[in-house]
Each structure stands twice: as C-alpha cells, then as structure tokens.
C-alpha cells in the first residue's frame, strides 16, 4: 500500500513503469487516484465533472488484457 500511495504523487512515467512491471494494477491505481481526488477536490475545485465509472471500466479492461497476456505466455 505504501508504494501505491507514493505513486499518487509520482510522475506518469513512474506510474506507467509500476503498471508495466505488475507491481500495481490498473484498478488499484485508479481507485487510489479517485479516492485522492474525492479527498482533495473540495478545496481545489480542480474537477468539475469526473467520469469515475468510465475510469473504473477502463482500468478493469486494462487489467483483464494484462492477465490474458500473462496467461498466454
């Protein structure tokens, strides 16, 4: 969980590397990111509209593709 929290403030290349290596899944990173947005956005007003359901669906699809690739090798 500590690495996941650190990734929330990391740059996108670090997040992509963690995803590619399998150290973190897309769903876990997406859920942590959405939780951070929920926590911080009321004071920031950075997001007017958030497509959380779409983000979750995309993360689930990404993890499913990763599992399918691993199963074939």
N, C-alpha and C. Protein backbone atom coordinates (compact mmCIF):
# COMPACT_ATOMS: atom_id res chain seq x y z
N UNK A 1 0.83 -1.20 0.00
CA UNK A 1 0.00 0.00 0.00
C UNK A 1 0.87 1.25 0.00
N UNK A 2 2.04 1.16 0.63
CA UNK A 2 2.92 2.33 0.68
C UNK A 2 3.34 2.75 -0.73
N UNK A 3 3.69 1.76 -1.57
CA UNK A 3 4.10 2.09 -2.94
C UNK A 3 2.95 2.74 -3.70
N UNK A 4 1.75 2.26 -3.48
CA UNK A 4 0.58 2.83 -4.14
C UNK A 4 0.40 4.29 -3.75
N UNK A 5 0.54 4.59 -2.48
CA UNK A 5 0.42 5.98 -2.03
C UNK A 5 1.52 6.84 -2.64
N UNK A 6 2.72 6.32 -2.73
CA UNK A 6 3.82 7.07 -3.33
C UNK A 6 3.57 7.32 -4.80
N UNK A 7 2.94 6.37 -5.48
CA UNK A 7 2.66 6.54 -6.90
C UNK A 7 1.67 7.67 -7.17
N UNK A 8 0.84 7.99 -6.19
CA UNK A 8 -0.15 9.05 -6.39
C UNK A 8 0.50 10.42 -6.59
N UNK A 9 1.71 10.59 -6.12
CA UNK A 9 2.41 11.86 -6.32
C UNK A 9 3.58 11.72 -7.28
N UNK A 10 3.73 10.53 -7.86
CA UNK A 10 4.81 10.29 -8.82
C UNK A 10 4.40 10.79 -10.20
N UNK A 11 5.38 10.93 -11.08
CA UNK A 11 5.05 11.34 -12.45
C UNK A 11 4.47 10.15 -13.21
N UNK A 12 3.92 10.44 -14.38
CA UNK A 12 3.26 9.39 -15.15
C UNK A 12 4.20 8.29 -15.61
N UNK A 13 5.46 8.61 -15.84
CA UNK A 13 6.39 7.56 -16.27
C UNK A 13 6.61 6.55 -15.14
N UNK A 14 6.65 7.00 -13.90
CA UNK A 14 6.79 6.08 -12.76
C UNK A 14 5.53 5.24 -12.60
N UNK A 15 4.37 5.85 -12.79
CA UNK A 15 3.12 5.09 -12.72
C UNK A 15 3.06 4.05 -13.83
N UNK A 16 3.46 4.44 -15.04
CA UNK A 16 3.45 3.50 -16.17
C UNK A 16 4.42 2.35 -15.93
N UNK A 17 5.58 2.64 -15.37
CA UNK A 17 6.56 1.59 -15.08
C UNK A 17 6.01 0.62 -14.04
N UNK A 18 5.35 1.12 -13.03
CA UNK A 18 4.77 0.26 -12.00
C UNK A 18 3.66 -0.62 -12.58
N UNK A 19 2.87 -0.05 -13.48
CA UNK A 19 1.83 -0.83 -14.14
C UNK A 19 2.44 -1.90 -15.04
N UNK A 20 3.44 -1.52 -15.84
CA UNK A 20 4.06 -2.45 -16.78
C UNK A 20 4.76 -3.61 -16.07
N UNK A 21 5.34 -3.33 -14.91
CA UNK A 21 6.05 -4.38 -14.17
C UNK A 21 5.11 -5.27 -13.37
N UNK A 22 3.86 -4.85 -13.23
CA UNK A 22 2.91 -5.62 -12.44
C UNK A 22 2.96 -5.35 -10.96
N UNK A 23 3.76 -4.36 -10.55
CA UNK A 23 3.84 -4.02 -9.12
C UNK A 23 2.51 -3.45 -8.61
N UNK A 24 1.73 -2.89 -9.51
CA UNK A 24 0.43 -2.34 -9.16
C UNK A 24 -0.50 -2.59 -10.34
N UNK A 25 -1.77 -2.79 -10.05
CA UNK A 25 -2.75 -3.00 -11.11
C UNK A 25 -3.47 -1.71 -11.45
N UNK A 26 -4.06 -1.71 -12.62
CA UNK A 26 -4.79 -0.52 -13.08
C UNK A 26 -5.96 -0.17 -12.16
N UNK A 27 -6.69 -1.20 -11.72
CA UNK A 27 -7.84 -0.94 -10.84
C UNK A 27 -7.37 -0.33 -9.53
N UNK A 28 -6.32 -0.87 -8.94
CA UNK A 28 -5.82 -0.35 -7.67
C UNK A 28 -5.36 1.10 -7.81
N UNK A 29 -4.62 1.39 -8.87
CA UNK A 29 -4.13 2.75 -9.07
C UNK A 29 -5.29 3.70 -9.36
N UNK A 30 -6.25 3.26 -10.14
CA UNK A 30 -7.41 4.10 -10.44
C UNK A 30 -8.23 4.38 -9.19
N UNK A 31 -8.49 3.36 -8.39
CA UNK A 31 -9.27 3.56 -7.16
C UNK A 31 -8.54 4.50 -6.20
N UNK A 32 -7.23 4.34 -6.07
CA UNK A 32 -6.47 5.23 -5.19
C UNK A 32 -6.49 6.66 -5.71
N UNK A 33 -6.39 6.81 -7.02
CA UNK A 33 -6.44 8.15 -7.62
C UNK A 33 -7.81 8.78 -7.41
N UNK A 34 -8.87 8.02 -7.62
CA UNK A 34 -10.22 8.56 -7.42
C UNK A 34 -10.45 8.94 -5.95
N UNK A 35 -9.93 8.13 -5.04
CA UNK A 35 -10.06 8.45 -3.61
C UNK A 35 -9.32 9.75 -3.28
N UNK A 36 -8.15 9.91 -3.87
CA UNK A 36 -7.38 11.15 -3.63
C UNK A 36 -8.12 12.36 -4.20
N UNK A 37 -8.71 12.20 -5.36
CA UNK A 37 -9.50 13.29 -5.95
C UNK A 37 -10.66 13.64 -5.02
N UNK A 38 -11.38 12.61 -4.54
CA UNK A 38 -12.51 12.86 -3.62
C UNK A 38 -12.05 13.59 -2.37
N UNK A 39 -10.87 13.24 -1.90
CA UNK A 39 -10.33 13.84 -0.68
C UNK A 39 -9.92 15.30 -0.90
N UNK A 40 -9.29 15.57 -2.01
CA UNK A 40 -8.68 16.89 -2.21
C UNK A 40 -9.50 17.87 -3.05
N UNK A 41 -10.37 17.36 -3.89
CA UNK A 41 -11.05 18.24 -4.81
C UNK A 41 -11.97 19.28 -4.16
N UNK A 42 -12.62 18.99 -3.05
CA UNK A 42 -13.49 20.02 -2.48
C UNK A 42 -12.76 21.36 -2.22
N UNK A 43 -11.52 21.30 -1.82
CA UNK A 43 -10.77 22.53 -1.59
C UNK A 43 -10.12 23.10 -2.83
N UNK A 44 -9.91 22.25 -3.81
CA UNK A 44 -9.22 22.68 -5.03
C UNK A 44 -10.17 23.08 -6.16
N UNK A 45 -11.29 22.38 -6.24
CA UNK A 45 -12.21 22.56 -7.36
C UNK A 45 -11.50 22.36 -8.69
N UNK A 46 -10.62 21.38 -8.77
CA UNK A 46 -9.88 21.11 -9.99
C UNK A 46 -10.73 20.32 -10.99
N UNK A 47 -11.66 19.52 -10.50
CA UNK A 47 -12.52 18.72 -11.36
C UNK A 47 -13.95 19.20 -11.22
N UNK A 48 -14.54 19.58 -12.34
CA UNK A 48 -15.94 19.97 -12.35
C UNK A 48 -16.79 18.73 -12.55
N UNK A 49 -16.34 17.87 -13.45
CA UNK A 49 -17.03 16.61 -13.72
C UNK A 49 -16.00 15.50 -13.75
N UNK A 50 -16.30 14.40 -13.10
CA UNK A 50 -15.37 13.29 -13.01
C UNK A 50 -16.05 12.04 -13.56
N UNK A 51 -15.45 11.42 -14.53
CA UNK A 51 -16.00 10.21 -15.16
C UNK A 51 -15.47 8.97 -14.44
N UNK A 52 -15.82 8.83 -13.18
CA UNK A 52 -15.30 7.74 -12.36
C UNK A 52 -15.70 6.37 -12.88
N UNK A 53 -16.94 6.22 -13.31
CA UNK A 53 -17.40 4.91 -13.81
C UNK A 53 -16.61 4.51 -15.06
N UNK A 54 -16.38 5.46 -15.94
CA UNK A 54 -15.60 5.18 -17.14
C UNK A 54 -14.16 4.85 -16.81
N UNK A 55 -13.60 5.54 -15.84
CA UNK A 55 -12.22 5.27 -15.43
C UNK A 55 -12.11 3.87 -14.84
N UNK A 56 -13.09 3.49 -14.02
CA UNK A 56 -13.08 2.15 -13.43
C UNK A 56 -13.21 1.07 -14.51
N UNK A 57 -14.10 1.29 -15.46
CA UNK A 57 -14.29 0.32 -16.54
C UNK A 57 -13.02 0.17 -17.38
N UNK A 58 -12.37 1.27 -17.69
CA UNK A 58 -11.13 1.23 -18.46
C UNK A 58 -10.03 0.51 -17.69
N UNK A 59 -9.96 0.74 -16.39
CA UNK A 59 -8.95 0.07 -15.55
C UNK A 59 -9.20 -1.43 -15.49
N UNK A 60 -10.45 -1.81 -15.34
CA UNK A 60 -10.79 -3.24 -15.31
C UNK A 60 -10.43 -3.90 -16.64
N UNK A 61 -10.72 -3.23 -17.75
CA UNK A 61 -10.39 -3.78 -19.07
C UNK A 61 -8.88 -3.90 -19.24
N UNK A 62 -8.15 -2.92 -18.76
CA UNK A 62 -6.69 -2.95 -18.86
C UNK A 62 -6.11 -4.12 -18.06
N UNK A 63 -6.59 -4.31 -16.84
CA UNK A 63 -6.12 -5.43 -16.03
C UNK A 63 -6.49 -6.76 -16.67
N UNK A 64 -7.67 -6.86 -17.27
CA UNK A 64 -8.08 -8.10 -17.94
C UNK A 64 -7.17 -8.40 -19.13
N UNK A 65 -6.80 -7.38 -19.89
CA UNK A 65 -5.88 -7.59 -21.01
C UNK A 65 -4.51 -8.06 -20.50
N UNK A 66 -4.06 -7.49 -19.40
CA UNK A 66 -2.75 -7.87 -18.83
C UNK A 66 -2.79 -9.33 -18.38
N UNK A 67 -3.86 -9.75 -17.72
CA UNK A 67 -3.99 -11.13 -17.26
C UNK A 67 -4.03 -12.08 -18.46
N UNK A 68 -4.73 -11.69 -19.51
CA UNK A 68 -4.82 -12.55 -20.70
C UNK A 68 -3.45 -12.71 -21.36
N UNK A 69 -2.66 -11.64 -21.40
CA UNK A 69 -1.32 -11.71 -21.98
C UNK A 69 -0.44 -12.65 -21.16
N UNK A 70 -0.51 -12.53 -19.84
CA UNK A 70 0.31 -13.38 -18.97
C UNK A 70 -0.09 -14.83 -19.12
N UNK A 71 -1.37 -15.10 -19.24
CA UNK A 71 -1.87 -16.47 -19.34
C UNK A 71 -1.41 -17.14 -20.64
N UNK A 72 -1.21 -16.35 -21.69
CA UNK A 72 -0.78 -16.90 -22.98
C UNK A 72 0.72 -17.22 -23.00
N UNK A 73 1.49 -16.63 -22.10
CA UNK A 73 2.93 -16.86 -22.15
C UNK A 73 3.36 -18.03 -21.31
